N, C-alpha and C. Protein backbone atom coordinates (compact mmCIF):
# COMPACT_ATOMS: atom_id res chain seq x y z
N UNK A 1 -26.39 0.06 11.21
CA UNK A 1 -25.04 0.59 11.10
C UNK A 1 -25.04 2.00 11.68
N UNK A 2 -24.04 2.27 12.51
CA UNK A 2 -23.94 3.60 13.10
C UNK A 2 -23.39 4.60 12.09
N UNK A 3 -23.53 5.87 12.41
CA UNK A 3 -22.99 6.92 11.54
C UNK A 3 -21.49 6.78 11.38
N UNK A 4 -20.79 6.48 12.47
CA UNK A 4 -19.34 6.32 12.41
C UNK A 4 -18.96 5.13 11.53
N UNK A 5 -19.69 4.01 11.65
CA UNK A 5 -19.41 2.85 10.82
C UNK A 5 -19.64 3.18 9.35
N UNK A 6 -20.67 3.96 9.05
CA UNK A 6 -20.94 4.35 7.66
C UNK A 6 -19.79 5.21 7.12
N UNK A 7 -19.25 6.09 7.96
CA UNK A 7 -18.11 6.92 7.54
C UNK A 7 -16.89 6.06 7.27
N UNK A 8 -16.66 5.05 8.13
CA UNK A 8 -15.52 4.14 7.92
C UNK A 8 -15.69 3.40 6.60
N UNK A 9 -16.88 2.89 6.34
CA UNK A 9 -17.12 2.16 5.09
C UNK A 9 -16.93 3.06 3.87
N UNK A 10 -17.39 4.30 3.95
CA UNK A 10 -17.19 5.24 2.84
C UNK A 10 -15.71 5.47 2.59
N UNK A 11 -14.94 5.65 3.65
CA UNK A 11 -13.50 5.87 3.50
C UNK A 11 -12.82 4.63 2.91
N UNK A 12 -13.24 3.45 3.35
CA UNK A 12 -12.67 2.21 2.80
C UNK A 12 -12.96 2.09 1.30
N UNK A 13 -14.14 2.51 0.89
CA UNK A 13 -14.47 2.50 -0.55
C UNK A 13 -13.50 3.40 -1.31
N UNK A 14 -13.23 4.58 -0.74
CA UNK A 14 -12.31 5.52 -1.39
C UNK A 14 -10.87 4.98 -1.43
N UNK A 15 -10.56 4.07 -0.52
CA UNK A 15 -9.22 3.46 -0.51
C UNK A 15 -9.12 2.26 -1.44
N UNK A 16 -10.22 1.94 -2.14
CA UNK A 16 -10.17 0.85 -3.12
C UNK A 16 -10.83 -0.44 -2.69
N UNK A 17 -11.55 -0.43 -1.57
CA UNK A 17 -12.21 -1.64 -1.10
C UNK A 17 -13.70 -1.64 -1.44
N UNK A 18 -14.09 -0.97 -2.52
CA UNK A 18 -15.49 -0.89 -2.91
C UNK A 18 -15.83 -1.83 -4.05
N UNK A 19 -17.13 -1.96 -4.28
CA UNK A 19 -17.66 -2.80 -5.36
C UNK A 19 -16.96 -2.47 -6.69
N UNK A 20 -16.73 -3.48 -7.47
CA UNK A 20 -16.11 -3.41 -8.80
C UNK A 20 -14.62 -3.09 -8.75
N UNK A 21 -14.02 -3.18 -7.59
CA UNK A 21 -12.56 -3.00 -7.48
C UNK A 21 -11.87 -4.35 -7.55
N UNK A 22 -10.63 -4.34 -7.94
CA UNK A 22 -9.80 -5.55 -7.91
C UNK A 22 -8.68 -5.28 -6.92
N UNK A 23 -8.53 -6.18 -5.96
CA UNK A 23 -7.51 -6.01 -4.94
C UNK A 23 -6.67 -7.27 -4.82
N UNK A 24 -5.49 -7.10 -4.27
CA UNK A 24 -4.63 -8.22 -3.95
C UNK A 24 -4.48 -8.23 -2.43
N UNK A 25 -4.88 -9.34 -1.83
CA UNK A 25 -4.86 -9.44 -0.38
C UNK A 25 -4.68 -10.89 0.00
N UNK A 26 -3.93 -11.12 1.07
CA UNK A 26 -3.68 -12.47 1.56
C UNK A 26 -3.07 -13.38 0.48
N UNK A 27 -2.26 -12.79 -0.40
CA UNK A 27 -1.59 -13.55 -1.44
C UNK A 27 -2.48 -13.96 -2.59
N UNK A 28 -3.69 -13.43 -2.65
CA UNK A 28 -4.65 -13.76 -3.71
C UNK A 28 -5.19 -12.48 -4.33
N UNK A 29 -5.71 -12.60 -5.53
CA UNK A 29 -6.34 -11.46 -6.19
C UNK A 29 -7.86 -11.68 -6.19
N UNK A 30 -8.60 -10.60 -5.87
CA UNK A 30 -10.05 -10.68 -5.75
C UNK A 30 -10.72 -9.56 -6.53
N UNK A 31 -11.86 -9.88 -7.12
CA UNK A 31 -12.77 -8.87 -7.67
C UNK A 31 -13.86 -8.67 -6.64
N UNK A 32 -14.02 -7.44 -6.16
CA UNK A 32 -15.00 -7.18 -5.12
C UNK A 32 -16.39 -7.02 -5.74
N UNK A 33 -17.37 -7.66 -5.11
CA UNK A 33 -18.74 -7.62 -5.63
C UNK A 33 -19.70 -6.91 -4.67
N UNK A 34 -19.17 -6.36 -3.59
CA UNK A 34 -19.99 -5.58 -2.66
C UNK A 34 -19.15 -4.47 -2.07
N UNK A 35 -19.83 -3.54 -1.44
CA UNK A 35 -19.14 -2.50 -0.69
C UNK A 35 -18.85 -3.03 0.71
N UNK A 36 -17.92 -2.42 1.43
CA UNK A 36 -17.59 -2.90 2.77
C UNK A 36 -18.78 -2.77 3.72
N UNK A 37 -18.84 -3.70 4.69
CA UNK A 37 -19.88 -3.63 5.71
C UNK A 37 -19.34 -4.22 7.01
N UNK A 38 -19.81 -3.67 8.11
CA UNK A 38 -19.43 -4.16 9.43
C UNK A 38 -20.26 -5.39 9.76
N UNK A 39 -19.61 -6.41 10.33
CA UNK A 39 -20.33 -7.56 10.84
C UNK A 39 -20.14 -7.67 12.36
N UNK A 40 -19.12 -6.99 12.88
CA UNK A 40 -18.86 -6.84 14.31
C UNK A 40 -18.19 -5.49 14.50
N UNK A 41 -17.88 -5.15 15.74
CA UNK A 41 -17.34 -3.82 16.03
C UNK A 41 -16.19 -3.40 15.13
N UNK A 42 -15.18 -4.23 14.96
CA UNK A 42 -14.02 -3.85 14.15
C UNK A 42 -13.80 -4.82 12.99
N UNK A 43 -14.80 -5.64 12.68
CA UNK A 43 -14.68 -6.59 11.59
C UNK A 43 -15.49 -6.10 10.40
N UNK A 44 -14.77 -5.77 9.33
CA UNK A 44 -15.39 -5.26 8.11
C UNK A 44 -15.10 -6.27 7.00
N UNK A 45 -16.13 -6.61 6.23
CA UNK A 45 -15.98 -7.61 5.18
C UNK A 45 -16.52 -7.09 3.86
N UNK A 46 -16.12 -7.76 2.79
CA UNK A 46 -16.65 -7.52 1.45
C UNK A 46 -16.90 -8.87 0.79
N UNK A 47 -17.88 -8.92 -0.10
CA UNK A 47 -18.07 -10.10 -0.92
C UNK A 47 -17.08 -10.00 -2.08
N UNK A 48 -16.47 -11.12 -2.43
CA UNK A 48 -15.45 -11.09 -3.45
C UNK A 48 -15.44 -12.39 -4.24
N UNK A 49 -14.88 -12.31 -5.44
CA UNK A 49 -14.66 -13.50 -6.26
C UNK A 49 -13.17 -13.65 -6.45
N UNK A 50 -12.65 -14.80 -6.07
CA UNK A 50 -11.22 -15.07 -6.23
C UNK A 50 -10.95 -15.25 -7.72
N UNK A 51 -10.05 -14.45 -8.28
CA UNK A 51 -9.83 -14.47 -9.72
C UNK A 51 -9.20 -15.78 -10.20
N UNK A 52 -8.42 -16.44 -9.36
CA UNK A 52 -7.75 -17.67 -9.80
C UNK A 52 -8.72 -18.84 -9.94
N UNK A 53 -9.79 -18.85 -9.12
CA UNK A 53 -10.70 -19.99 -9.15
C UNK A 53 -12.13 -19.63 -9.55
N UNK A 54 -12.48 -18.36 -9.45
CA UNK A 54 -13.85 -17.95 -9.74
C UNK A 54 -14.80 -18.20 -8.58
N UNK A 55 -14.26 -18.66 -7.45
CA UNK A 55 -15.09 -18.93 -6.28
C UNK A 55 -15.45 -17.64 -5.56
N UNK A 56 -16.70 -17.57 -5.14
CA UNK A 56 -17.19 -16.42 -4.38
C UNK A 56 -16.93 -16.66 -2.90
N UNK A 57 -16.51 -15.61 -2.18
CA UNK A 57 -16.27 -15.76 -0.76
C UNK A 57 -16.35 -14.42 -0.05
N UNK A 58 -16.45 -14.48 1.25
CA UNK A 58 -16.45 -13.31 2.11
C UNK A 58 -15.00 -13.06 2.52
N UNK A 59 -14.53 -11.83 2.34
CA UNK A 59 -13.14 -11.50 2.65
C UNK A 59 -13.12 -10.37 3.68
N UNK A 60 -12.37 -10.58 4.75
CA UNK A 60 -12.22 -9.55 5.78
C UNK A 60 -11.18 -8.52 5.38
N UNK A 61 -11.52 -7.26 5.58
CA UNK A 61 -10.54 -6.20 5.35
C UNK A 61 -9.58 -6.22 6.54
N UNK A 62 -8.28 -6.15 6.30
CA UNK A 62 -7.31 -6.25 7.40
C UNK A 62 -7.61 -5.27 8.53
N UNK A 63 -7.54 -5.76 9.75
CA UNK A 63 -7.84 -4.96 10.94
C UNK A 63 -6.99 -3.70 11.00
N UNK A 64 -5.74 -3.80 10.61
CA UNK A 64 -4.85 -2.63 10.64
C UNK A 64 -5.39 -1.51 9.74
N UNK A 65 -5.96 -1.87 8.59
CA UNK A 65 -6.53 -0.87 7.68
C UNK A 65 -7.76 -0.24 8.32
N UNK A 66 -8.63 -1.06 8.90
CA UNK A 66 -9.83 -0.54 9.55
C UNK A 66 -9.46 0.39 10.70
N UNK A 67 -8.50 0.00 11.52
CA UNK A 67 -8.08 0.83 12.64
C UNK A 67 -7.45 2.14 12.17
N UNK A 68 -6.69 2.10 11.09
CA UNK A 68 -6.09 3.31 10.54
C UNK A 68 -7.18 4.29 10.11
N UNK A 69 -8.20 3.79 9.44
CA UNK A 69 -9.30 4.64 8.99
C UNK A 69 -10.06 5.22 10.19
N UNK A 70 -10.32 4.37 11.20
CA UNK A 70 -11.03 4.85 12.39
C UNK A 70 -10.24 5.95 13.09
N UNK A 71 -8.93 5.79 13.20
CA UNK A 71 -8.09 6.80 13.84
C UNK A 71 -8.08 8.09 13.04
N UNK A 72 -7.99 7.96 11.73
CA UNK A 72 -7.98 9.14 10.87
C UNK A 72 -9.28 9.93 11.00
N UNK A 73 -10.40 9.22 11.07
CA UNK A 73 -11.69 9.90 11.19
C UNK A 73 -11.86 10.55 12.56
N UNK A 74 -11.31 9.94 13.60
CA UNK A 74 -11.38 10.53 14.94
C UNK A 74 -10.56 11.82 15.01
N UNK A 75 -9.44 11.84 14.29
CA UNK A 75 -8.55 12.99 14.32
C UNK A 75 -9.09 14.18 13.50
N UNK A 76 -9.98 13.87 12.57
CA UNK A 76 -10.51 14.93 11.68
C UNK A 76 -11.50 15.84 12.37
């Protein structure tokens, strides 16, 4: 992971996409079980458990959120 990717992941954690957070995304509610991580250049995922079914799955953080964080860090 590059330094810039690590900064993006840290910012995403501060926005509520970190381990032990509960988020609502894609019309579902999830309990996050990992911190964000890059799997491709602009694809960031977290491990999550869907609260309605208890199923574990990999959930992508919306690209618009990732791009917003990247732009904010470039401007800083």
